[in-house]
């Protein structure tokens, strides 16, 4: 202490200065600590509000729509927006929502993601259809709850998930009388997935797998199902189903099973068990072979369309 006094307290003065500077810096950084800005963002202040702005001009992609991109999966949809671009335009995460004001965006890697799920949380999404497509529509809008004035315009970004009503599907594995494989799963990768499965009975619980031997005239049961859509909103309607001796959907040799949503009147073994009532349709027929052909394989194909429950256009 005598030494420090003898030196005129230079060390104590320096420590006091450092402590003051450290306290000041901590006070300035406090508003940024809870923002979790990513490496592509920088904490900044706009109109007295702290937020995550964009780091560098190269990060402002598609700034006119806030670098928006959407994802659709059946009756689910989401819109992802750049948080930093929104903040620089004057919009905070708390002020943005879907058509339902209770449906806010969730923060994910510096982006605000707004999602709806027609099975769990509709969030104001509407479902419409035209002659060719089925459409889910929602939008992201802004709510300014501060005072009676606003320094930014209202935000409204509409997005939609569009699916074709009609698709054709095939069962790529053959049904073979007196031996062969029945494994009828098929994926339609274009917009949504449809599966076709063969079953031994009308419970539709355990599908055929592996090598299966069917005798001629044995009843076989087929389930066709569209995935990812809510069965309370959408029904699958089988318009036309037919069998061919090969995997070609447009084979010149074929046998109709379902025509205009009804059993082929020329084949008394066909039964339409369920059609247009839910996202799954069922029918059955008795195993057969094509006459004068070297093998006993048959391949199944169907043309189906989606229908809005309650529209009055679904076959029941």
Protein backbone atom coordinates (compact mmCIF):
# COMPACT_ATOMS: atom_id res chain seq x y z
CA UNK A 1 0.00 0.00 0.00
CA UNK A 2 2.91 2.29 0.78
CA UNK A 3 4.34 1.40 -2.63
CA UNK A 4 1.10 2.21 -4.45
CA UNK A 5 0.82 5.51 -2.59
CA UNK A 6 4.40 6.35 -3.39
CA UNK A 7 3.69 5.82 -7.11
CA UNK A 8 0.71 8.22 -6.96
CA UNK A 9 -1.83 5.40 -7.27
CA UNK A 10 -1.27 4.86 -11.00
CA UNK A 11 -2.21 1.17 -10.75
CA UNK A 12 -5.43 1.82 -8.82
CA UNK A 13 -6.45 4.51 -11.30
CA UNK A 14 -5.84 2.15 -14.22
CA UNK A 15 -7.92 -0.61 -12.61
CA UNK A 16 -10.78 1.80 -11.95
CA UNK A 17 -10.73 2.92 -15.58
CA UNK A 18 -10.80 -0.69 -16.84
CA UNK A 19 -13.69 -1.57 -14.56
CA UNK A 20 -15.69 1.41 -15.83
CA UNK A 21 -15.04 0.53 -19.47
CA UNK A 22 -16.00 -3.13 -18.91
CA UNK A 23 -19.27 -2.12 -17.27
CA UNK A 24 -20.12 0.21 -20.16
CA UNK A 25 -19.42 -2.46 -22.81
CA UNK A 26 -21.60 -4.99 -21.00
CA UNK A 27 -24.46 -2.51 -20.94
CA UNK A 28 -24.21 -1.96 -24.71
CA UNK A 29 -24.13 -5.70 -25.54
CA UNK A 30 -27.01 -6.68 -23.26
CA UNK A 31 -29.78 -6.06 -25.87
CA UNK A 32 -27.97 -8.35 -28.33
CA UNK A 33 -27.36 -11.29 -26.03
CA UNK A 34 -30.84 -12.78 -26.27
CA UNK A 35 -31.22 -12.38 -30.04
CA UNK A 36 -29.12 -15.40 -31.11
CA UNK A 37 -28.00 -13.76 -34.35
CA UNK A 38 -26.38 -16.21 -36.77
CA UNK A 39 -23.00 -15.73 -38.46
CA UNK A 40 -24.85 -14.30 -41.47
CA UNK A 41 -26.47 -11.66 -39.25
CA UNK A 42 -25.28 -8.78 -37.10
CA UNK A 43 -26.93 -7.21 -34.08
CA UNK A 44 -28.00 -3.68 -34.93
CA UNK A 45 -30.45 -0.99 -33.87
CA UNK A 46 -33.21 0.38 -36.11
CA UNK A 47 -35.65 3.02 -34.88
CA UNK A 48 -34.65 2.31 -31.30
CA UNK A 49 -35.21 -1.45 -31.59
CA UNK A 50 -32.39 -3.99 -31.45
CA UNK A 51 -32.50 -6.94 -33.82
CA UNK A 52 -30.53 -9.15 -36.20
CA UNK A 53 -29.73 -7.32 -39.43
CA UNK A 54 -28.15 -8.87 -42.51
CA UNK A 55 -24.36 -9.19 -42.54
CA UNK A 56 -23.15 -7.80 -45.87
CA UNK A 57 -25.00 -6.98 -49.08
CA UNK A 58 -24.43 -10.47 -50.49
CA UNK A 59 -26.82 -11.90 -47.89
CA UNK A 60 -29.83 -9.95 -49.19
CA UNK A 61 -31.13 -12.53 -51.66
CA UNK A 62 -34.57 -11.93 -53.21
CA UNK A 63 -35.07 -8.98 -50.90
CA UNK A 64 -38.38 -8.00 -52.49
CA UNK A 65 -39.97 -11.12 -50.97
CA UNK A 66 -37.57 -11.51 -48.01
CA UNK A 67 -35.84 -14.52 -49.58
CA UNK A 68 -39.06 -16.51 -49.29
CA UNK A 69 -39.32 -20.17 -50.13
CA UNK A 70 -42.09 -22.63 -49.40
CA UNK A 71 -42.38 -26.34 -48.70
CA UNK A 72 -45.48 -28.45 -49.32
CA UNK A 73 -46.27 -31.97 -48.22
CA UNK A 74 -49.86 -33.05 -48.69
CA UNK A 75 -52.09 -31.03 -46.38
CA UNK A 76 -49.05 -29.45 -44.69
CA UNK A 77 -47.31 -26.29 -45.89
CA UNK A 78 -44.70 -23.82 -44.68
CA UNK A 79 -43.19 -20.51 -45.74
CA UNK A 80 -39.64 -19.58 -44.71
CA UNK A 81 -38.54 -15.92 -44.61
CA UNK A 82 -35.21 -14.22 -43.89
CA UNK A 83 -35.29 -12.79 -40.36
CA UNK A 84 -32.63 -10.16 -41.07
CA UNK A 85 -34.39 -8.88 -44.19
CA UNK A 86 -37.67 -8.65 -42.29
CA UNK A 87 -36.02 -6.76 -39.44
CA UNK A 88 -34.33 -4.29 -41.80
CA UNK A 89 -37.74 -3.65 -43.38
CA UNK A 90 -39.18 -2.89 -39.94
CA UNK A 91 -40.90 -6.20 -39.12
CA UNK A 92 -40.21 -8.14 -35.94
CA UNK A 93 -40.98 -11.80 -35.36
CA UNK A 94 -43.66 -10.99 -32.80
CA UNK A 95 -45.60 -8.86 -35.30
CA UNK A 96 -45.92 -11.57 -37.98
CA UNK A 97 -48.40 -14.44 -38.17
CA UNK A 98 -50.42 -16.65 -40.53
CA UNK A 99 -54.11 -16.03 -41.28
CA UNK A 100 -54.75 -17.17 -37.73
CA UNK A 101 -53.05 -14.49 -35.54
CA UNK A 102 -52.19 -17.19 -33.00
CA UNK A 103 -49.94 -18.97 -35.50
CA UNK A 104 -46.55 -17.27 -35.24
CA UNK A 105 -43.32 -18.18 -36.98
CA UNK A 106 -40.64 -20.31 -35.36
CA UNK A 107 -36.99 -19.29 -35.56
CA UNK A 108 -34.78 -21.75 -37.42
CA UNK A 109 -31.20 -20.93 -38.47
CA UNK A 110 -31.85 -17.22 -38.86
CA UNK A 111 -35.15 -17.70 -40.67
CA UNK A 112 -38.76 -17.39 -39.58
CA UNK A 113 -40.74 -20.48 -40.62
CA UNK A 114 -44.55 -20.28 -40.70
CA UNK A 115 -46.30 -23.66 -40.91
CA UNK A 116 -49.83 -25.03 -41.11
CA UNK A 117 -51.04 -28.60 -40.76
CA UNK A 118 -54.59 -29.37 -41.79
CA UNK A 119 -54.59 -32.40 -39.48
CA UNK A 120 -53.40 -30.60 -36.32
CA UNK A 121 -53.26 -26.82 -36.75
CA UNK A 122 -55.02 -25.31 -39.77
CA UNK A 123 -53.83 -21.77 -38.92
CA UNK A 124 -56.40 -20.16 -41.20
CA UNK A 125 -55.48 -22.14 -44.31
CA UNK A 126 -58.25 -22.49 -46.89
CA UNK A 127 -58.82 -25.43 -49.21
CA UNK A 128 -60.20 -24.89 -52.71
CA UNK A 129 -60.33 -26.80 -55.97
CA UNK A 130 -60.81 -26.16 -59.66
CA UNK A 131 -61.22 -28.49 -62.61
CA UNK A 132 -57.58 -29.61 -62.53
CA UNK A 133 -56.02 -28.92 -59.14
CA UNK A 134 -56.55 -28.90 -55.39
CA UNK A 135 -55.13 -25.85 -53.59
CA UNK A 136 -54.23 -25.00 -49.99
CA UNK A 137 -53.82 -21.23 -49.42
CA UNK A 138 -52.44 -19.27 -46.47
CA UNK A 139 -50.58 -16.00 -45.97
CA UNK A 140 -48.14 -14.28 -43.64
CA UNK A 141 -49.31 -10.88 -42.42
CA UNK A 142 -48.23 -8.27 -39.89
CA UNK A 143 -49.84 -6.83 -36.80
CA UNK A 144 -48.51 -3.57 -35.38
CA UNK A 145 -49.65 -3.39 -31.80
CA UNK A 146 -47.71 -0.27 -30.79
CA UNK A 147 -49.78 2.88 -30.58
CA UNK A 148 -51.99 4.35 -33.27
CA UNK A 149 -49.33 4.96 -35.94
CA UNK A 150 -46.99 2.72 -37.91
CA UNK A 151 -43.74 3.53 -39.69
CA UNK A 152 -43.92 0.50 -41.99
CA UNK A 153 -46.57 -0.68 -44.41
CA UNK A 154 -48.62 -3.79 -43.84
CA UNK A 155 -47.10 -7.09 -44.89
CA UNK A 156 -49.06 -9.79 -46.71
CA UNK A 157 -47.27 -12.66 -48.41
CA UNK A 158 -49.64 -15.28 -49.78
CA UNK A 159 -48.46 -18.81 -50.48
CA UNK A 160 -50.19 -21.91 -51.75
CA UNK A 161 -49.69 -25.66 -52.14
CA UNK A 162 -51.09 -26.92 -55.45
CA UNK A 163 -51.63 -30.56 -56.39
CA UNK A 164 -53.08 -32.12 -59.56
CA UNK A 165 -56.45 -33.73 -59.01
CA UNK A 166 -55.82 -36.73 -61.26
CA UNK A 167 -52.89 -39.15 -61.39
CA UNK A 168 -52.25 -42.59 -62.82
CA UNK A 169 -50.57 -45.29 -60.74
CA UNK A 170 -49.31 -48.79 -61.44
CA UNK A 171 -48.43 -51.80 -59.34
CA UNK A 172 -44.93 -52.60 -60.65
CA UNK A 173 -44.89 -56.11 -59.17
CA UNK A 174 -46.98 -58.73 -60.90
CA UNK A 175 -49.79 -60.84 -59.56
CA UNK A 176 -49.16 -64.36 -60.81
CA UNK A 177 -51.62 -67.18 -60.64
CA UNK A 178 -49.92 -70.39 -59.45
CA UNK A 179 -46.81 -68.61 -58.21
CA UNK A 180 -45.07 -65.28 -58.23
CA UNK A 181 -44.64 -62.17 -56.19
CA UNK A 182 -47.36 -59.88 -54.89
CA UNK A 183 -45.78 -56.79 -53.41
CA UNK A 184 -47.84 -53.88 -54.53
CA UNK A 185 -46.29 -50.72 -53.17
CA UNK A 186 -45.70 -47.90 -55.64
CA UNK A 187 -44.66 -44.32 -55.08
CA UNK A 188 -45.80 -41.42 -57.23
CA UNK A 189 -42.99 -38.92 -56.78
CA UNK A 190 -44.41 -36.01 -58.73
CA UNK A 191 -46.54 -34.17 -56.19
CA UNK A 192 -47.89 -36.64 -53.66
CA UNK A 193 -47.52 -40.32 -52.94
CA UNK A 194 -50.03 -43.02 -53.74
CA UNK A 195 -49.55 -46.64 -52.70
CA UNK A 196 -51.23 -49.76 -54.06
CA UNK A 197 -51.16 -52.93 -51.96
CA UNK A 198 -52.59 -56.44 -52.37
CA UNK A 199 -54.19 -58.27 -49.42
CA UNK A 200 -55.49 -61.81 -48.86
CA UNK A 201 -58.79 -60.71 -47.28
CA UNK A 202 -61.13 -57.78 -46.70
CA UNK A 203 -59.64 -56.79 -43.32
CA UNK A 204 -56.79 -55.01 -45.17
CA UNK A 205 -54.50 -55.56 -42.19
CA UNK A 206 -51.62 -57.71 -43.47
CA UNK A 207 -50.56 -57.19 -47.10
CA UNK A 208 -48.89 -59.82 -49.20
CA UNK A 209 -45.08 -59.87 -49.01
CA UNK A 210 -42.53 -62.13 -50.64
CA UNK A 211 -43.42 -65.03 -52.89
CA UNK A 212 -47.14 -65.80 -52.93
CA UNK A 213 -49.03 -68.47 -54.84
CA UNK A 214 -52.52 -67.59 -55.98
CA UNK A 215 -54.82 -70.10 -57.53
CA UNK A 216 -56.99 -69.16 -60.46
CA UNK A 217 -60.31 -67.70 -59.33
CA UNK A 218 -58.92 -66.92 -55.86
CA UNK A 219 -60.20 -63.59 -54.49
CA UNK A 220 -57.56 -60.87 -54.09
CA UNK A 221 -58.12 -57.54 -52.35
CA UNK A 222 -56.51 -54.25 -53.44
CA UNK A 223 -56.08 -51.07 -51.39
CA UNK A 224 -55.10 -47.78 -53.04
CA UNK A 225 -54.16 -44.98 -50.66
CA UNK A 226 -52.96 -41.39 -50.94
CA UNK A 227 -50.62 -40.31 -48.17
CA UNK A 228 -50.10 -37.00 -46.38
CA UNK A 229 -53.64 -35.68 -46.76
CA UNK A 230 -56.28 -35.36 -44.06
CA UNK A 231 -59.08 -37.90 -44.49
CA UNK A 232 -61.49 -35.36 -43.01
CA UNK A 233 -60.88 -33.06 -46.00
CA UNK A 234 -59.77 -35.20 -48.93
CA UNK A 235 -61.09 -38.40 -50.51
CA UNK A 236 -59.45 -40.58 -53.14
CA UNK A 237 -61.68 -41.66 -56.03
CA UNK A 238 -60.74 -44.55 -58.33
CA UNK A 239 -61.98 -43.67 -61.80
CA UNK A 240 -60.52 -46.51 -63.84
CA UNK A 241 -58.54 -49.63 -62.93
CA UNK A 242 -57.31 -52.26 -65.35
CA UNK A 243 -54.92 -55.20 -65.66
CA UNK A 244 -52.26 -55.83 -68.30
CA UNK A 245 -50.03 -58.86 -69.02
CA UNK A 246 -46.91 -56.68 -68.72
CA UNK A 247 -45.84 -53.56 -66.85
CA UNK A 248 -46.77 -51.19 -69.68
CA UNK A 249 -49.62 -48.96 -68.53
CA UNK A 250 -50.75 -48.44 -72.15
CA UNK A 251 -50.48 -52.07 -73.23
CA UNK A 252 -52.79 -52.94 -76.12
CA UNK A 253 -53.83 -56.06 -74.24
CA UNK A 254 -55.72 -55.23 -71.06
CA UNK A 255 -58.75 -56.12 -68.96
CA UNK A 256 -60.91 -53.50 -67.25
CA UNK A 257 -61.68 -53.96 -63.57
CA UNK A 258 -63.22 -50.59 -62.69
CA UNK A 259 -64.82 -48.35 -65.32
CA UNK A 260 -66.25 -44.93 -64.47
CA UNK A 261 -65.82 -45.68 -60.75
CA UNK A 262 -67.94 -48.85 -60.99
CA UNK A 263 -67.14 -52.57 -61.46
CA UNK A 264 -66.72 -53.72 -65.03
CA UNK A 265 -70.14 -55.26 -65.89
CA UNK A 266 -68.35 -57.84 -68.04
CA UNK A 267 -66.47 -59.20 -65.02
CA UNK A 268 -68.86 -60.38 -62.34
CA UNK A 269 -66.02 -61.02 -59.85
CA UNK A 270 -65.09 -57.35 -59.35
CA UNK A 271 -66.36 -55.61 -56.21
CA UNK A 272 -65.79 -51.96 -55.34
CA UNK A 273 -65.69 -52.06 -51.54
CA UNK A 274 -64.87 -48.42 -50.82
CA UNK A 275 -64.40 -45.51 -53.17
CA UNK A 276 -64.48 -41.75 -52.58
CA UNK A 277 -65.12 -42.06 -48.84
CA UNK A 278 -61.63 -41.39 -47.46
CA UNK A 279 -57.98 -41.26 -48.50
CA UNK A 280 -58.09 -45.03 -49.06
CA UNK A 281 -60.12 -46.93 -51.68
CA UNK A 282 -60.62 -50.71 -51.84
CA UNK A 283 -61.71 -53.21 -54.47
CA UNK A 284 -61.39 -56.93 -55.09
CA UNK A 285 -61.50 -59.41 -57.98
CA UNK A 286 -60.77 -63.06 -58.66
CA UNK A 287 -57.34 -64.02 -60.02
CA UNK A 288 -57.16 -64.76 -63.74
CA UNK A 289 -54.66 -65.11 -66.56
CA UNK A 290 -54.58 -63.67 -70.06
CA UNK A 291 -55.41 -66.38 -72.59
CA UNK A 292 -52.82 -67.53 -75.14
CA UNK A 293 -49.92 -65.76 -73.38
CA UNK A 294 -46.77 -67.57 -72.20
CA UNK A 295 -46.89 -66.52 -68.52
CA UNK A 296 -49.50 -65.96 -65.87
CA UNK A 297 -48.56 -62.46 -64.73
CA UNK A 298 -51.00 -59.58 -64.47
CA UNK A 299 -50.10 -55.98 -63.66
CA UNK A 300 -52.55 -53.53 -62.12
CA UNK A 301 -53.00 -49.85 -63.00
CA UNK A 302 -55.46 -47.19 -61.84
CA UNK A 303 -56.37 -43.62 -62.66
CA UNK A 304 -57.56 -41.74 -59.58
CA UNK A 305 -58.43 -38.21 -58.55
CA UNK A 306 -58.69 -36.27 -55.30
CA UNK A 307 -62.02 -34.94 -54.12
CA UNK A 308 -63.02 -32.46 -51.40
CA UNK A 309 -65.15 -34.12 -48.74
CA UNK A 310 -68.59 -32.51 -48.68
CA UNK A 311 -68.33 -31.14 -52.21
CA UNK A 312 -70.95 -33.56 -53.47
CA UNK A 313 -68.61 -34.74 -56.22
CA UNK A 314 -67.15 -37.77 -54.43
CA UNK A 315 -68.35 -41.23 -55.32
CA UNK A 316 -69.86 -42.89 -52.23
